[in-house]
Amino acid sequence: RLKKVEDECKLKEEERVNLELELTEVKESLKKALNGGVTLGLTIEPKTGSSSPQ
């Protein structure tokens, strides 16, 4: 029983670490985008008060 719990714990820990790495990458991409960089071929433009087409 203890062995099973330890294995599950290891799996969950791996999952958590992977999610954390992914989150860090997303944060970096967002930071670059907000600093005027281009991320994944998309540019992020600041939204104006109205959403009408120009």
N, C-alpha and C. Protein backbone atom coordinates (compact mmCIF):
# COMPACT_ATOMS: atom_id res chain seq x y z
N ARG A 1 0.84 -1.20 0.00
CA ARG A 1 0.00 0.00 0.00
C ARG A 1 0.88 1.26 0.00
N LEU A 2 1.88 1.30 0.86
CA LEU A 2 2.75 2.47 0.94
C LEU A 2 3.46 2.70 -0.38
N LYS A 3 3.92 1.60 -1.00
CA LYS A 3 4.64 1.70 -2.27
C LYS A 3 3.72 2.35 -3.32
N LYS A 4 2.47 1.94 -3.35
CA LYS A 4 1.51 2.48 -4.32
C LYS A 4 1.34 3.98 -4.11
N VAL A 5 1.20 4.38 -2.86
CA VAL A 5 1.04 5.79 -2.53
C VAL A 5 2.28 6.59 -2.94
N GLU A 6 3.46 6.02 -2.69
CA GLU A 6 4.70 6.70 -3.07
C GLU A 6 4.79 6.88 -4.59
N ASP A 7 4.41 5.84 -5.33
CA ASP A 7 4.43 5.92 -6.80
C ASP A 7 3.46 7.00 -7.29
N GLU A 8 2.27 7.03 -6.71
CA GLU A 8 1.29 8.04 -7.10
C GLU A 8 1.82 9.43 -6.79
N CYS A 9 2.47 9.54 -5.65
CA CYS A 9 3.04 10.82 -5.23
C CYS A 9 4.09 11.28 -6.24
N LYS A 10 4.95 10.36 -6.68
CA LYS A 10 5.98 10.70 -7.67
C LYS A 10 5.35 11.17 -8.97
N LEU A 11 4.30 10.48 -9.40
CA LEU A 11 3.61 10.86 -10.63
C LEU A 11 3.02 12.26 -10.51
N LYS A 12 2.37 12.51 -9.39
CA LYS A 12 1.77 13.83 -9.17
C LYS A 12 2.84 14.92 -9.14
N GLU A 13 3.97 14.61 -8.53
CA GLU A 13 5.07 15.58 -8.45
C GLU A 13 5.60 15.89 -9.84
N GLU A 14 5.77 14.84 -10.67
CA GLU A 14 6.22 15.05 -12.05
C GLU A 14 5.24 15.94 -12.80
N GLU A 15 3.96 15.65 -12.61
CA GLU A 15 2.91 16.44 -13.27
C GLU A 15 3.00 17.90 -12.84
N ARG A 16 3.18 18.11 -11.55
CA ARG A 16 3.26 19.47 -11.01
C ARG A 16 4.46 20.21 -11.59
N VAL A 17 5.60 19.52 -11.65
CA VAL A 17 6.81 20.15 -12.19
C VAL A 17 6.60 20.52 -13.66
N ASN A 18 5.99 19.61 -14.42
CA ASN A 18 5.73 19.90 -15.83
C ASN A 18 4.81 21.11 -15.99
N LEU A 19 3.78 21.17 -15.17
CA LEU A 19 2.86 22.31 -15.22
C LEU A 19 3.58 23.60 -14.86
N GLU A 20 4.45 23.52 -13.88
CA GLU A 20 5.19 24.70 -13.45
C GLU A 20 6.10 25.21 -14.58
N LEU A 21 6.77 24.27 -15.26
CA LEU A 21 7.63 24.65 -16.39
C LEU A 21 6.80 25.30 -17.49
N GLU A 22 5.64 24.70 -17.77
CA GLU A 22 4.76 25.24 -18.80
C GLU A 22 4.31 26.65 -18.43
N LEU A 23 3.95 26.83 -17.18
CA LEU A 23 3.51 28.13 -16.69
C LEU A 23 4.61 29.17 -16.84
N THR A 24 5.83 28.77 -16.52
CA THR A 24 6.97 29.68 -16.66
C THR A 24 7.15 30.10 -18.11
N GLU A 25 7.03 29.13 -19.04
CA GLU A 25 7.15 29.45 -20.47
C GLU A 25 6.07 30.42 -20.90
N VAL A 26 4.85 30.18 -20.45
CA VAL A 26 3.74 31.05 -20.81
C VAL A 26 3.98 32.46 -20.28
N LYS A 27 4.45 32.55 -19.04
CA LYS A 27 4.73 33.87 -18.45
C LYS A 27 5.79 34.60 -19.25
N GLU A 28 6.85 33.88 -19.66
CA GLU A 28 7.92 34.50 -20.45
C GLU A 28 7.37 35.00 -21.78
N SER A 29 6.56 34.18 -22.44
CA SER A 29 5.96 34.58 -23.72
C SER A 29 5.10 35.81 -23.56
N LEU A 30 4.32 35.82 -22.49
CA LEU A 30 3.44 36.95 -22.23
C LEU A 30 4.25 38.21 -21.98
N LYS A 31 5.33 38.08 -21.21
CA LYS A 31 6.19 39.22 -20.92
C LYS A 31 6.76 39.80 -22.21
N LYS A 32 7.26 38.90 -23.09
CA LYS A 32 7.82 39.34 -24.36
C LYS A 32 6.76 40.04 -25.19
N ALA A 33 5.56 39.46 -25.22
CA ALA A 33 4.47 40.05 -26.01
C ALA A 33 4.12 41.44 -25.48
N LEU A 34 4.05 41.57 -24.17
CA LEU A 34 3.71 42.85 -23.57
C LEU A 34 4.81 43.88 -23.79
N ASN A 35 6.05 43.41 -23.96
CA ASN A 35 7.15 44.33 -24.22
C ASN A 35 7.27 44.67 -25.69
N GLY A 36 6.28 44.29 -26.48
CA GLY A 36 6.27 44.66 -27.89
C GLY A 36 6.87 43.60 -28.79
N GLY A 37 7.25 42.47 -28.24
CA GLY A 37 7.79 41.39 -29.06
C GLY A 37 6.67 40.65 -29.75
N VAL A 38 7.05 39.82 -30.71
CA VAL A 38 6.06 39.00 -31.40
C VAL A 38 6.17 37.58 -30.87
N THR A 39 5.06 37.01 -30.46
CA THR A 39 5.06 35.66 -29.91
C THR A 39 4.15 34.78 -30.75
N LEU A 40 4.66 33.65 -31.18
CA LEU A 40 3.90 32.69 -31.98
C LEU A 40 3.26 33.35 -33.19
N GLY A 41 3.92 34.35 -33.75
CA GLY A 41 3.41 35.00 -34.95
C GLY A 41 2.23 35.92 -34.69
N LEU A 42 1.93 36.18 -33.44
CA LEU A 42 0.80 37.05 -33.11
C LEU A 42 1.32 38.32 -32.45
N THR A 43 0.70 39.43 -32.78
CA THR A 43 1.05 40.65 -32.07
C THR A 43 -0.12 40.99 -31.17
N ILE A 44 0.17 41.47 -30.01
CA ILE A 44 -0.88 41.84 -29.07
C ILE A 44 -1.03 43.35 -29.10
N GLU A 45 -2.21 43.78 -29.50
CA GLU A 45 -2.45 45.21 -29.59
C GLU A 45 -3.30 45.64 -28.41
N PRO A 46 -2.98 46.81 -27.86
CA PRO A 46 -3.80 47.28 -26.75
C PRO A 46 -5.23 47.56 -27.21
N LYS A 47 -6.18 47.16 -26.40
CA LYS A 47 -7.59 47.38 -26.76
C LYS A 47 -7.99 48.81 -26.42
N THR A 48 -8.77 49.41 -27.32
CA THR A 48 -9.27 50.75 -27.05
C THR A 48 -10.63 50.62 -26.36
N GLY A 49 -11.17 51.74 -25.97
CA GLY A 49 -12.44 51.74 -25.25
C GLY A 49 -13.57 51.05 -26.00
N SER A 50 -13.66 51.26 -27.32
CA SER A 50 -14.74 50.65 -28.09
C SER A 50 -14.20 49.49 -28.91
N SER A 51 -15.06 48.52 -29.19
CA SER A 51 -14.62 47.36 -29.95
C SER A 51 -15.10 47.44 -31.39
N SER A 52 -15.40 48.65 -31.86
CA SER A 52 -15.87 48.80 -33.24
C SER A 52 -14.70 48.68 -34.21
N PRO A 53 -14.94 48.10 -35.39
CA PRO A 53 -13.86 47.97 -36.38
C PRO A 53 -13.42 49.34 -36.89
N GLN A 54 -12.15 49.45 -37.24
CA GLN A 54 -11.64 50.74 -37.68
C GLN A 54 -11.62 50.84 -39.19
